[in-house]
mmCIF file of all heavy atoms, coordinates in Angstrom:
data_MODEL
# 
_entry.id   MODEL 
# 
loop_
_atom_site.group_PDB 
_atom_site.id 
_atom_site.type_symbol 
_atom_site.label_atom_id 
_atom_site.label_alt_id 
_atom_site.label_comp_id 
_atom_site.label_asym_id 
_atom_site.label_entity_id 
_atom_site.label_seq_id 
_atom_site.pdbx_PDB_ins_code 
_atom_site.Cartn_x 
_atom_site.Cartn_y 
_atom_site.Cartn_z 
_atom_site.occupancy 
_atom_site.B_iso_or_equiv 
_atom_site.pdbx_formal_charge 
_atom_site.auth_seq_id 
_atom_site.auth_comp_id 
_atom_site.auth_asym_id 
_atom_site.auth_atom_id 
_atom_site.pdbx_PDB_model_num 
ATOM 1   N N   . HIS A 1 1  ? 205.099 66.076 -129.183 1.00 0.00 ? 1  HIS A N   1 
ATOM 2   C CA  . HIS A 1 1  ? 206.329 66.244 -129.957 1.00 0.00 ? 1  HIS A CA  1 
ATOM 3   C C   . HIS A 1 1  ? 206.702 64.909 -130.578 1.00 0.00 ? 1  HIS A C   1 
ATOM 4   O O   . HIS A 1 1  ? 206.420 63.858 -130.014 1.00 0.00 ? 1  HIS A O   1 
ATOM 5   C CB  . HIS A 1 1  ? 207.501 66.699 -129.078 1.00 0.00 ? 1  HIS A CB  1 
ATOM 6   C CG  . HIS A 1 1  ? 207.510 68.141 -128.721 1.00 0.00 ? 1  HIS A CG  1 
ATOM 7   N ND1 . HIS A 1 1  ? 207.318 69.154 -129.634 1.00 0.00 ? 1  HIS A ND1 1 
ATOM 8   C CD2 . HIS A 1 1  ? 207.704 68.747 -127.530 1.00 0.00 ? 1  HIS A CD2 1 
ATOM 9   C CE1 . HIS A 1 1  ? 207.387 70.317 -129.018 1.00 0.00 ? 1  HIS A CE1 1 
ATOM 10  N NE2 . HIS A 1 1  ? 207.615 70.099 -127.742 1.00 0.00 ? 1  HIS A NE2 1 
ATOM 11  N N   . ARG A 1 2  ? 207.371 64.984 -131.710 1.00 0.00 ? 2  ARG A N   1 
ATOM 12  C CA  . ARG A 1 2  ? 207.936 63.780 -132.322 1.00 0.00 ? 2  ARG A CA  1 
ATOM 13  C C   . ARG A 1 2  ? 209.349 63.592 -131.813 1.00 0.00 ? 2  ARG A C   1 
ATOM 14  O O   . ARG A 1 2  ? 209.981 64.531 -131.355 1.00 0.00 ? 2  ARG A O   1 
ATOM 15  C CB  . ARG A 1 2  ? 207.963 63.920 -133.841 1.00 0.00 ? 2  ARG A CB  1 
ATOM 16  C CG  . ARG A 1 2  ? 206.578 63.943 -134.447 1.00 0.00 ? 2  ARG A CG  1 
ATOM 17  C CD  . ARG A 1 2  ? 206.680 64.042 -135.935 1.00 0.00 ? 2  ARG A CD  1 
ATOM 18  N NE  . ARG A 1 2  ? 205.351 64.114 -136.515 1.00 0.00 ? 2  ARG A NE  1 
ATOM 19  C CZ  . ARG A 1 2  ? 205.062 63.651 -137.696 1.00 0.00 ? 2  ARG A CZ  1 
ATOM 20  N NH1 . ARG A 1 2  ? 205.987 63.108 -138.448 1.00 0.00 ? 2  ARG A NH1 1 
ATOM 21  N NH2 . ARG A 1 2  ? 203.836 63.733 -138.161 1.00 0.00 ? 2  ARG A NH2 1 
ATOM 22  N N   . ILE A 1 3  ? 209.837 62.370 -131.938 1.00 0.00 ? 3  ILE A N   1 
ATOM 23  C CA  . ILE A 1 3  ? 211.203 62.076 -131.526 1.00 0.00 ? 3  ILE A CA  1 
ATOM 24  C C   . ILE A 1 3  ? 211.969 61.586 -132.746 1.00 0.00 ? 3  ILE A C   1 
ATOM 25  O O   . ILE A 1 3  ? 211.402 60.885 -133.594 1.00 0.00 ? 3  ILE A O   1 
ATOM 26  C CB  . ILE A 1 3  ? 211.225 61.034 -130.386 1.00 0.00 ? 3  ILE A CB  1 
ATOM 27  C CG1 . ILE A 1 3  ? 212.625 60.892 -129.804 1.00 0.00 ? 3  ILE A CG1 1 
ATOM 28  C CG2 . ILE A 1 3  ? 210.647 59.701 -130.833 1.00 0.00 ? 3  ILE A CG2 1 
ATOM 29  C CD1 . ILE A 1 3  ? 212.659 60.140 -128.483 1.00 0.00 ? 3  ILE A CD1 1 
ATOM 30  N N   . THR A 1 4  ? 213.226 61.989 -132.859 1.00 0.00 ? 4  THR A N   1 
ATOM 31  C CA  . THR A 1 4  ? 214.015 61.540 -134.000 1.00 0.00 ? 4  THR A CA  1 
ATOM 32  C C   . THR A 1 4  ? 214.361 60.061 -133.829 1.00 0.00 ? 4  THR A C   1 
ATOM 33  O O   . THR A 1 4  ? 214.367 59.536 -132.706 1.00 0.00 ? 4  THR A O   1 
ATOM 34  C CB  . THR A 1 4  ? 215.331 62.335 -134.130 1.00 0.00 ? 4  THR A CB  1 
ATOM 35  O OG1 . THR A 1 4  ? 216.159 62.034 -132.994 1.00 0.00 ? 4  THR A OG1 1 
ATOM 36  C CG2 . THR A 1 4  ? 215.074 63.828 -134.234 1.00 0.00 ? 4  THR A CG2 1 
ATOM 37  N N   . ALA A 1 5  ? 214.655 59.421 -134.934 1.00 0.00 ? 5  ALA A N   1 
ATOM 38  C CA  . ALA A 1 5  ? 215.042 58.009 -134.892 1.00 0.00 ? 5  ALA A CA  1 
ATOM 39  C C   . ALA A 1 5  ? 216.292 57.826 -134.040 1.00 0.00 ? 5  ALA A C   1 
ATOM 40  O O   . ALA A 1 5  ? 216.389 56.875 -133.254 1.00 0.00 ? 5  ALA A O   1 
ATOM 41  C CB  . ALA A 1 5  ? 215.257 57.479 -136.308 1.00 0.00 ? 5  ALA A CB  1 
ATOM 42  N N   . GLU A 1 6  ? 217.239 58.748 -134.178 1.00 0.00 ? 6  GLU A N   1 
ATOM 43  C CA  . GLU A 1 6  ? 218.481 58.657 -133.418 1.00 0.00 ? 6  GLU A CA  1 
ATOM 44  C C   . GLU A 1 6  ? 218.222 58.729 -131.920 1.00 0.00 ? 6  GLU A C   1 
ATOM 45  O O   . GLU A 1 6  ? 218.769 57.943 -131.140 1.00 0.00 ? 6  GLU A O   1 
ATOM 46  C CB  . GLU A 1 6  ? 219.464 59.768 -133.832 1.00 0.00 ? 6  GLU A CB  1 
ATOM 47  C CG  . GLU A 1 6  ? 219.991 59.645 -135.241 1.00 0.00 ? 6  GLU A CG  1 
ATOM 48  C CD  . GLU A 1 6  ? 219.059 60.255 -136.298 1.00 0.00 ? 6  GLU A CD  1 
ATOM 49  O OE1 . GLU A 1 6  ? 218.033 60.872 -135.945 1.00 0.00 ? 6  GLU A OE1 1 
ATOM 50  O OE2 . GLU A 1 6  ? 219.373 60.093 -137.487 1.00 0.00 ? 6  GLU A OE2 1 
ATOM 51  N N   . ASP A 1 7  ? 217.386 59.687 -131.505 1.00 0.00 ? 7  ASP A N   1 
ATOM 52  C CA  . ASP A 1 7  ? 217.076 59.828 -130.080 1.00 0.00 ? 7  ASP A CA  1 
ATOM 53  C C   . ASP A 1 7  ? 216.275 58.632 -129.567 1.00 0.00 ? 7  ASP A C   1 
ATOM 54  O O   . ASP A 1 7  ? 216.505 58.152 -128.454 1.00 0.00 ? 7  ASP A O   1 
ATOM 55  C CB  . ASP A 1 7  ? 216.318 61.124 -129.804 1.00 0.00 ? 7  ASP A CB  1 
ATOM 56  C CG  . ASP A 1 7  ? 217.194 62.363 -129.948 1.00 0.00 ? 7  ASP A CG  1 
ATOM 57  O OD1 . ASP A 1 7  ? 218.441 62.217 -129.944 1.00 0.00 ? 7  ASP A OD1 1 
ATOM 58  O OD2 . ASP A 1 7  ? 216.635 63.468 -130.069 1.00 0.00 ? 7  ASP A OD2 1 
ATOM 59  N N   . LEU A 1 8  ? 215.358 58.144 -130.363 1.00 0.00 ? 8  LEU A N   1 
ATOM 60  C CA  . LEU A 1 8  ? 214.561 56.979 -129.965 1.00 0.00 ? 8  LEU A CA  1 
ATOM 61  C C   . LEU A 1 8  ? 215.466 55.773 -129.716 1.00 0.00 ? 8  LEU A C   1 
ATOM 62  O O   . LEU A 1 8  ? 215.385 55.121 -128.676 1.00 0.00 ? 8  LEU A O   1 
ATOM 63  C CB  . LEU A 1 8  ? 213.516 56.651 -131.036 1.00 0.00 ? 8  LEU A CB  1 
ATOM 64  C CG  . LEU A 1 8  ? 212.720 55.363 -130.831 1.00 0.00 ? 8  LEU A CG  1 
ATOM 65  C CD1 . LEU A 1 8  ? 211.946 55.389 -129.518 1.00 0.00 ? 8  LEU A CD1 1 
ATOM 66  C CD2 . LEU A 1 8  ? 211.772 55.144 -132.002 1.00 0.00 ? 8  LEU A CD2 1 
ATOM 67  N N   . ILE A 1 9  ? 216.339 55.498 -130.653 1.00 0.00 ? 9  ILE A N   1 
ATOM 68  C CA  . ILE A 1 9  ? 217.238 54.344 -130.510 1.00 0.00 ? 9  ILE A CA  1 
ATOM 69  C C   . ILE A 1 9  ? 218.191 54.545 -129.335 1.00 0.00 ? 9  ILE A C   1 
ATOM 70  O O   . ILE A 1 9  ? 218.470 53.606 -128.589 1.00 0.00 ? 9  ILE A O   1 
ATOM 71  C CB  . ILE A 1 9  ? 217.965 54.062 -131.834 1.00 0.00 ? 9  ILE A CB  1 
ATOM 72  C CG1 . ILE A 1 9  ? 216.943 53.540 -132.848 1.00 0.00 ? 9  ILE A CG1 1 
ATOM 73  C CG2 . ILE A 1 9  ? 219.109 53.071 -131.646 1.00 0.00 ? 9  ILE A CG2 1 
ATOM 74  C CD1 . ILE A 1 9  ? 217.422 53.407 -134.265 1.00 0.00 ? 9  ILE A CD1 1 
ATOM 75  N N   . ALA A 1 10 ? 218.654 55.773 -129.133 1.00 0.00 ? 10 ALA A N   1 
ATOM 76  C CA  . ALA A 1 10 ? 219.531 56.057 -127.995 1.00 0.00 ? 10 ALA A CA  1 
ATOM 77  C C   . ALA A 1 10 ? 218.811 55.788 -126.671 1.00 0.00 ? 10 ALA A C   1 
ATOM 78  O O   . ALA A 1 10 ? 219.389 55.195 -125.746 1.00 0.00 ? 10 ALA A O   1 
ATOM 79  C CB  . ALA A 1 10 ? 220.028 57.503 -128.050 1.00 0.00 ? 10 ALA A CB  1 
ATOM 80  N N   . ILE A 1 11 ? 217.570 56.193 -126.567 1.00 0.00 ? 11 ILE A N   1 
ATOM 81  C CA  . ILE A 1 11 ? 216.786 55.952 -125.348 1.00 0.00 ? 11 ILE A CA  1 
ATOM 82  C C   . ILE A 1 11 ? 216.566 54.455 -125.149 1.00 0.00 ? 11 ILE A C   1 
ATOM 83  O O   . ILE A 1 11 ? 216.686 53.939 -124.030 1.00 0.00 ? 11 ILE A O   1 
ATOM 84  C CB  . ILE A 1 11 ? 215.447 56.726 -125.392 1.00 0.00 ? 11 ILE A CB  1 
ATOM 85  C CG1 . ILE A 1 11 ? 215.711 58.224 -125.198 1.00 0.00 ? 11 ILE A CG1 1 
ATOM 86  C CG2 . ILE A 1 11 ? 214.480 56.207 -124.328 1.00 0.00 ? 11 ILE A CG2 1 
ATOM 87  C CD1 . ILE A 1 11 ? 214.498 59.106 -125.429 1.00 0.00 ? 11 ILE A CD1 1 
ATOM 88  N N   . LEU A 1 12 ? 216.237 53.753 -126.227 1.00 0.00 ? 12 LEU A N   1 
ATOM 89  C CA  . LEU A 1 12 ? 216.028 52.310 -126.111 1.00 0.00 ? 12 LEU A CA  1 
ATOM 90  C C   . LEU A 1 12 ? 217.302 51.620 -125.640 1.00 0.00 ? 12 LEU A C   1 
ATOM 91  O O   . LEU A 1 12 ? 217.267 50.774 -124.735 1.00 0.00 ? 12 LEU A O   1 
ATOM 92  C CB  . LEU A 1 12 ? 215.555 51.728 -127.445 1.00 0.00 ? 12 LEU A CB  1 
ATOM 93  C CG  . LEU A 1 12 ? 214.176 52.206 -127.926 1.00 0.00 ? 12 LEU A CG  1 
ATOM 94  C CD1 . LEU A 1 12 ? 213.866 51.628 -129.301 1.00 0.00 ? 12 LEU A CD1 1 
ATOM 95  C CD2 . LEU A 1 12 ? 213.086 51.868 -126.924 1.00 0.00 ? 12 LEU A CD2 1 
ATOM 96  N N   . ARG A 1 13 ? 218.431 51.968 -126.235 1.00 0.00 ? 13 ARG A N   1 
ATOM 97  C CA  . ARG A 1 13 ? 219.712 51.343 -125.843 1.00 0.00 ? 13 ARG A CA  1 
ATOM 98  C C   . ARG A 1 13 ? 220.084 51.690 -124.400 1.00 0.00 ? 13 ARG A C   1 
ATOM 99  O O   . ARG A 1 13 ? 220.548 50.837 -123.651 1.00 0.00 ? 13 ARG A O   1 
ATOM 100 C CB  . ARG A 1 13 ? 220.816 51.766 -126.801 1.00 0.00 ? 13 ARG A CB  1 
ATOM 101 C CG  . ARG A 1 13 ? 220.679 51.087 -128.141 1.00 0.00 ? 13 ARG A CG  1 
ATOM 102 C CD  . ARG A 1 13 ? 221.850 51.367 -129.037 1.00 0.00 ? 13 ARG A CD  1 
ATOM 103 N NE  . ARG A 1 13 ? 221.696 50.628 -130.287 1.00 0.00 ? 13 ARG A NE  1 
ATOM 104 C CZ  . ARG A 1 13 ? 222.176 51.026 -131.438 1.00 0.00 ? 13 ARG A CZ  1 
ATOM 105 N NH1 . ARG A 1 13 ? 222.863 52.147 -131.531 1.00 0.00 ? 13 ARG A NH1 1 
ATOM 106 N NH2 . ARG A 1 13 ? 222.001 50.298 -132.525 1.00 0.00 ? 13 ARG A NH2 1 
ATOM 107 N N   . LEU A 1 14 ? 219.879 52.946 -124.026 1.00 0.00 ? 14 LEU A N   1 
ATOM 108 C CA  . LEU A 1 14 ? 220.162 53.396 -122.663 1.00 0.00 ? 14 LEU A CA  1 
ATOM 109 C C   . LEU A 1 14 ? 219.407 52.545 -121.642 1.00 0.00 ? 14 LEU A C   1 
ATOM 110 O O   . LEU A 1 14 ? 219.915 52.255 -120.562 1.00 0.00 ? 14 LEU A O   1 
ATOM 111 C CB  . LEU A 1 14 ? 219.764 54.875 -122.517 1.00 0.00 ? 14 LEU A CB  1 
ATOM 112 C CG  . LEU A 1 14 ? 219.805 55.484 -121.117 1.00 0.00 ? 14 LEU A CG  1 
ATOM 113 C CD1 . LEU A 1 14 ? 221.261 55.637 -120.669 1.00 0.00 ? 14 LEU A CD1 1 
ATOM 114 C CD2 . LEU A 1 14 ? 219.104 56.824 -121.101 1.00 0.00 ? 14 LEU A CD2 1 
ATOM 115 N N   . ASN A 1 15 ? 218.211 52.124 -122.008 1.00 0.00 ? 15 ASN A N   1 
ATOM 116 C CA  . ASN A 1 15 ? 217.354 51.382 -121.094 1.00 0.00 ? 15 ASN A CA  1 
ATOM 117 C C   . ASN A 1 15 ? 217.320 49.881 -121.384 1.00 0.00 ? 15 ASN A C   1 
ATOM 118 O O   . ASN A 1 15 ? 216.439 49.169 -120.894 1.00 0.00 ? 15 ASN A O   1 
ATOM 119 C CB  . ASN A 1 15 ? 215.950 51.983 -121.129 1.00 0.00 ? 15 ASN A CB  1 
ATOM 120 C CG  . ASN A 1 15 ? 215.961 53.375 -120.541 1.00 0.00 ? 15 ASN A CG  1 
ATOM 121 O OD1 . ASN A 1 15 ? 216.095 53.531 -119.343 1.00 0.00 ? 15 ASN A OD1 1 
ATOM 122 N ND2 . ASN A 1 15 ? 215.873 54.382 -121.395 1.00 0.00 ? 15 ASN A ND2 1 
ATOM 123 N N   . HIS A 1 16 ? 218.285 49.436 -122.174 1.00 0.00 ? 16 HIS A N   1 
ATOM 124 C CA  . HIS A 1 16 ? 218.450 48.011 -122.478 1.00 0.00 ? 16 HIS A CA  1 
ATOM 125 C C   . HIS A 1 16 ? 217.208 47.388 -123.116 1.00 0.00 ? 16 HIS A C   1 
ATOM 126 O O   . HIS A 1 16 ? 216.839 46.258 -122.807 1.00 0.00 ? 16 HIS A O   1 
ATOM 127 C CB  . HIS A 1 16 ? 218.861 47.229 -121.218 1.00 0.00 ? 16 HIS A CB  1 
ATOM 128 C CG  . HIS A 1 16 ? 220.014 47.841 -120.506 1.00 0.00 ? 16 HIS A CG  1 
ATOM 129 N ND1 . HIS A 1 16 ? 221.303 47.785 -120.990 1.00 0.00 ? 16 HIS A ND1 1 
ATOM 130 C CD2 . HIS A 1 16 ? 220.073 48.581 -119.361 1.00 0.00 ? 16 HIS A CD2 1 
ATOM 131 C CE1 . HIS A 1 16 ? 222.110 48.437 -120.171 1.00 0.00 ? 16 HIS A CE1 1 
ATOM 132 N NE2 . HIS A 1 16 ? 221.394 48.940 -119.178 1.00 0.00 ? 16 HIS A NE2 1 
ATOM 133 N N   . VAL A 1 17 ? 216.583 48.157 -123.998 1.00 0.00 ? 17 VAL A N   1 
ATOM 134 C CA  . VAL A 1 17 ? 215.452 47.665 -124.784 1.00 0.00 ? 17 VAL A CA  1 
ATOM 135 C C   . VAL A 1 17 ? 215.961 47.423 -126.192 1.00 0.00 ? 17 VAL A C   1 
ATOM 136 O O   . VAL A 1 17 ? 216.526 48.328 -126.811 1.00 0.00 ? 17 VAL A O   1 
ATOM 137 C CB  . VAL A 1 17 ? 214.274 48.677 -124.805 1.00 0.00 ? 17 VAL A CB  1 
ATOM 138 C CG1 . VAL A 1 17 ? 213.159 48.195 -125.713 1.00 0.00 ? 17 VAL A CG1 1 
ATOM 139 C CG2 . VAL A 1 17 ? 213.773 48.942 -123.392 1.00 0.00 ? 17 VAL A CG2 1 
ATOM 140 N N   . LYS A 1 18 ? 215.779 46.212 -126.673 1.00 0.00 ? 18 LYS A N   1 
ATOM 141 C CA  . LYS A 1 18 ? 216.219 45.904 -128.036 1.00 0.00 ? 18 LYS A CA  1 
ATOM 142 C C   . LYS A 1 18 ? 215.305 46.634 -129.022 1.00 0.00 ? 18 LYS A C   1 
ATOM 143 O O   . LYS A 1 18 ? 214.074 46.512 -128.926 1.00 0.00 ? 18 LYS A O   1 
ATOM 144 C CB  . LYS A 1 18 ? 216.170 44.405 -128.273 1.00 0.00 ? 18 LYS A CB  1 
ATOM 145 C CG  . LYS A 1 18 ? 217.137 43.633 -127.394 1.00 0.00 ? 18 LYS A CG  1 
ATOM 146 C CD  . LYS A 1 18 ? 216.936 42.136 -127.562 1.00 0.00 ? 18 LYS A CD  1 
ATOM 147 C CE  . LYS A 1 18 ? 217.867 41.370 -126.663 1.00 0.00 ? 18 LYS A CE  1 
ATOM 148 N NZ  . LYS A 1 18 ? 217.326 41.171 -125.320 1.00 0.00 ? 18 LYS A NZ  1 
ATOM 149 N N   . PRO A 1 19 ? 215.878 47.404 -129.946 1.00 0.00 ? 19 PRO A N   1 
ATOM 150 C CA  . PRO A 1 19 ? 215.034 48.133 -130.901 1.00 0.00 ? 19 PRO A CA  1 
ATOM 151 C C   . PRO A 1 19 ? 214.041 47.235 -131.639 1.00 0.00 ? 19 PRO A C   1 
ATOM 152 O O   . PRO A 1 19 ? 212.887 47.608 -131.817 1.00 0.00 ? 19 PRO A O   1 
ATOM 153 C CB  . PRO A 1 19 ? 216.045 48.767 -131.861 1.00 0.00 ? 19 PRO A CB  1 
ATOM 154 C CG  . PRO A 1 19 ? 217.264 48.961 -131.023 1.00 0.00 ? 19 PRO A CG  1 
ATOM 155 C CD  . PRO A 1 19 ? 217.296 47.753 -130.119 1.00 0.00 ? 19 PRO A CD  1 
ATOM 156 N N   . TRP A 1 20 ? 214.463 46.032 -132.017 1.00 0.00 ? 20 TRP A N   1 
ATOM 157 C CA  . TRP A 1 20 ? 213.548 45.135 -132.738 1.00 0.00 ? 20 TRP A CA  1 
ATOM 158 C C   . TRP A 1 20 ? 212.365 44.737 -131.864 1.00 0.00 ? 20 TRP A C   1 
ATOM 159 O O   . TRP A 1 20 ? 211.255 44.574 -132.348 1.00 0.00 ? 20 TRP A O   1 
ATOM 160 C CB  . TRP A 1 20 ? 214.283 43.894 -133.270 1.00 0.00 ? 20 TRP A CB  1 
ATOM 161 C CG  . TRP A 1 20 ? 214.914 43.031 -132.215 1.00 0.00 ? 20 TRP A CG  1 
ATOM 162 C CD1 . TRP A 1 20 ? 216.207 43.058 -131.794 1.00 0.00 ? 20 TRP A CD1 1 
ATOM 163 C CD2 . TRP A 1 20 ? 214.269 42.028 -131.429 1.00 0.00 ? 20 TRP A CD2 1 
ATOM 164 N NE1 . TRP A 1 20 ? 216.426 42.142 -130.805 1.00 0.00 ? 20 TRP A NE1 1 
ATOM 165 C CE2 . TRP A 1 20 ? 215.244 41.484 -130.550 1.00 0.00 ? 20 TRP A CE2 1 
ATOM 166 C CE3 . TRP A 1 20 ? 212.978 41.536 -131.372 1.00 0.00 ? 20 TRP A CE3 1 
ATOM 167 C CZ2 . TRP A 1 20 ? 214.961 40.478 -129.638 1.00 0.00 ? 20 TRP A CZ2 1 
ATOM 168 C CZ3 . TRP A 1 20 ? 212.693 40.527 -130.452 1.00 0.00 ? 20 TRP A CZ3 1 
ATOM 169 C CH2 . TRP A 1 20 ? 213.677 40.011 -129.602 1.00 0.00 ? 20 TRP A CH2 1 
ATOM 170 N N   . GLU A 1 21 ? 212.608 44.604 -130.530 1.00 0.00 ? 21 GLU A N   1 
ATOM 171 C CA  . GLU A 1 21 ? 211.520 44.263 -129.610 1.00 0.00 ? 21 GLU A CA  1 
ATOM 172 C C   . GLU A 1 21 ? 210.495 45.405 -129.563 1.00 0.00 ? 21 GLU A C   1 
ATOM 173 O O   . GLU A 1 21 ? 209.281 45.185 -129.593 1.00 0.00 ? 21 GLU A O   1 
ATOM 174 C CB  . GLU A 1 21 ? 212.093 44.001 -128.222 1.00 0.00 ? 21 GLU A CB  1 
ATOM 175 C CG  . GLU A 1 21 ? 211.083 43.607 -127.180 1.00 0.00 ? 21 GLU A CG  1 
ATOM 176 C CD  . GLU A 1 21 ? 211.714 43.423 -125.804 1.00 0.00 ? 21 GLU A CD  1 
ATOM 177 O OE1 . GLU A 1 21 ? 212.940 43.185 -125.719 1.00 0.00 ? 21 GLU A OE1 1 
ATOM 178 O OE2 . GLU A 1 21 ? 210.972 43.541 -124.823 1.00 0.00 ? 21 GLU A OE2 1 
ATOM 179 N N   . PHE A 1 22 ? 211.014 46.623 -129.493 1.00 0.00 ? 22 PHE A N   1 
ATOM 180 C CA  . PHE A 1 22 ? 210.140 47.804 -129.455 1.00 0.00 ? 22 PHE A CA  1 
ATOM 181 C C   . PHE A 1 22 ? 209.324 47.903 -130.740 1.00 0.00 ? 22 PHE A C   1 
ATOM 182 O O   . PHE A 1 22 ? 208.102 48.030 -130.711 1.00 0.00 ? 22 PHE A O   1 
ATOM 183 C CB  . PHE A 1 22 ? 210.997 49.062 -129.259 1.00 0.00 ? 22 PHE A CB  1 
ATOM 184 C CG  . PHE A 1 22 ? 210.200 50.329 -129.189 1.00 0.00 ? 22 PHE A CG  1 
ATOM 185 C CD1 . PHE A 1 22 ? 209.641 50.755 -128.003 1.00 0.00 ? 22 PHE A CD1 1 
ATOM 186 C CD2 . PHE A 1 22 ? 210.017 51.113 -130.328 1.00 0.00 ? 22 PHE A CD2 1 
ATOM 187 C CE1 . PHE A 1 22 ? 208.904 51.937 -127.939 1.00 0.00 ? 22 PHE A CE1 1 
ATOM 188 C CE2 . PHE A 1 22 ? 209.286 52.285 -130.275 1.00 0.00 ? 22 PHE A CE2 1 
ATOM 189 C CZ  . PHE A 1 22 ? 208.732 52.700 -129.070 1.00 0.00 ? 22 PHE A CZ  1 
ATOM 190 N N   . PHE A 1 23 ? 210.000 47.822 -131.889 1.00 0.00 ? 23 PHE A N   1 
ATOM 191 C CA  . PHE A 1 23 ? 209.308 47.989 -133.162 1.00 0.00 ? 23 PHE A CA  1 
ATOM 192 C C   . PHE A 1 23 ? 208.369 46.828 -133.478 1.00 0.00 ? 23 PHE A C   1 
ATOM 193 O O   . PHE A 1 23 ? 207.340 47.026 -134.128 1.00 0.00 ? 23 PHE A O   1 
ATOM 194 C CB  . PHE A 1 23 ? 210.311 48.235 -134.302 1.00 0.00 ? 23 PHE A CB  1 
ATOM 195 C CG  . PHE A 1 23 ? 210.966 49.580 -134.198 1.00 0.00 ? 23 PHE A CG  1 
ATOM 196 C CD1 . PHE A 1 23 ? 212.314 49.692 -133.882 1.00 0.00 ? 23 PHE A CD1 1 
ATOM 197 C CD2 . PHE A 1 23 ? 210.233 50.740 -134.383 1.00 0.00 ? 23 PHE A CD2 1 
ATOM 198 C CE1 . PHE A 1 23 ? 212.917 50.936 -133.775 1.00 0.00 ? 23 PHE A CE1 1 
ATOM 199 C CE2 . PHE A 1 23 ? 210.819 51.992 -134.264 1.00 0.00 ? 23 PHE A CE2 1 
ATOM 200 C CZ  . PHE A 1 23 ? 212.163 52.086 -133.964 1.00 0.00 ? 23 PHE A CZ  1 
ATOM 201 N N   . ASN A 1 24 ? 208.700 45.625 -133.014 1.00 0.00 ? 24 ASN A N   1 
ATOM 202 C CA  . ASN A 1 24 ? 207.780 44.495 -133.199 1.00 0.00 ? 24 ASN A CA  1 
ATOM 203 C C   . ASN A 1 24 ? 206.474 44.743 -132.459 1.00 0.00 ? 24 ASN A C   1 
ATOM 204 O O   . ASN A 1 24 ? 205.396 44.453 -132.980 1.00 0.00 ? 24 ASN A O   1 
ATOM 205 C CB  . ASN A 1 24 ? 208.397 43.178 -132.731 1.00 0.00 ? 24 ASN A CB  1 
ATOM 206 C CG  . ASN A 1 24 ? 209.299 42.560 -133.761 1.00 0.00 ? 24 ASN A CG  1 
ATOM 207 O OD1 . ASN A 1 24 ? 209.288 42.954 -134.922 1.00 0.00 ? 24 ASN A OD1 1 
ATOM 208 N ND2 . ASN A 1 24 ? 210.089 41.598 -133.344 1.00 0.00 ? 24 ASN A ND2 1 
ATOM 209 N N   . GLN A 1 25 ? 206.568 45.278 -131.242 1.00 0.00 ? 25 GLN A N   1 
ATOM 210 C CA  . GLN A 1 25 ? 205.338 45.577 -130.492 1.00 0.00 ? 25 GLN A CA  1 
ATOM 211 C C   . GLN A 1 25 ? 204.541 46.675 -131.179 1.00 0.00 ? 25 GLN A C   1 
ATOM 212 O O   . GLN A 1 25 ? 203.320 46.615 -131.223 1.00 0.00 ? 25 GLN A O   1 
ATOM 213 C CB  . GLN A 1 25 ? 205.664 45.980 -129.060 1.00 0.00 ? 25 GLN A CB  1 
ATOM 214 C CG  . GLN A 1 25 ? 205.792 44.807 -128.164 1.00 0.00 ? 25 GLN A CG  1 
ATOM 215 C CD  . GLN A 1 25 ? 205.567 45.179 -126.715 1.00 0.00 ? 25 GLN A CD  1 
ATOM 216 O OE1 . GLN A 1 25 ? 204.922 46.170 -126.374 1.00 0.00 ? 25 GLN A OE1 1 
ATOM 217 N NE2 . GLN A 1 25 ? 206.114 44.366 -125.838 1.00 0.00 ? 25 GLN A NE2 1 
ATOM 218 N N   . LEU A 1 26 ? 205.234 47.650 -131.702 1.00 0.00 ? 26 LEU A N   1 
ATOM 219 C CA  . LEU A 1 26 ? 204.555 48.723 -132.422 1.00 0.00 ? 26 LEU A CA  1 
ATOM 220 C C   . LEU A 1 26 ? 203.834 48.151 -133.634 1.00 0.00 ? 26 LEU A C   1 
ATOM 221 O O   . LEU A 1 26 ? 202.687 48.479 -133.898 1.00 0.00 ? 26 LEU A O   1 
ATOM 222 C CB  . LEU A 1 26 ? 205.575 49.793 -132.834 1.00 0.00 ? 26 LEU A CB  1 
ATOM 223 C CG  . LEU A 1 26 ? 205.037 51.135 -133.283 1.00 0.00 ? 26 LEU A CG  1 
ATOM 224 C CD1 . LEU A 1 26 ? 204.267 51.813 -132.164 1.00 0.00 ? 26 LEU A CD1 1 
ATOM 225 C CD2 . LEU A 1 26 ? 206.182 52.026 -133.731 1.00 0.00 ? 26 LEU A CD2 1 
ATOM 226 N N   . ASP A 1 27 ? 204.492 47.247 -134.345 1.00 0.00 ? 27 ASP A N   1 
ATOM 227 C CA  . ASP A 1 27 ? 203.910 46.607 -135.523 1.00 0.00 ? 27 ASP A CA  1 
ATOM 228 C C   . ASP A 1 27 ? 202.750 45.702 -135.144 1.00 0.00 ? 27 ASP A C   1 
ATOM 229 O O   . ASP A 1 27 ? 201.734 45.674 -135.824 1.00 0.00 ? 27 ASP A O   1 
ATOM 230 C CB  . ASP A 1 27 ? 204.986 45.818 -136.276 1.00 0.00 ? 27 ASP A CB  1 
ATOM 231 C CG  . ASP A 1 27 ? 204.489 45.330 -137.624 1.00 0.00 ? 27 ASP A CG  1 
ATOM 232 O OD1 . ASP A 1 27 ? 203.903 46.142 -138.369 1.00 0.00 ? 27 ASP A OD1 1 
ATOM 233 O OD2 . ASP A 1 27 ? 204.677 44.132 -137.925 1.00 0.00 ? 27 ASP A OD2 1 
# 
């Protein structure tokens, strides 16, 4: 399944993961 951007960011924030940190690793 895909995840929406809103849900992804909500999960990252819930778990104290900075979105830029996540996306930098993806990049």
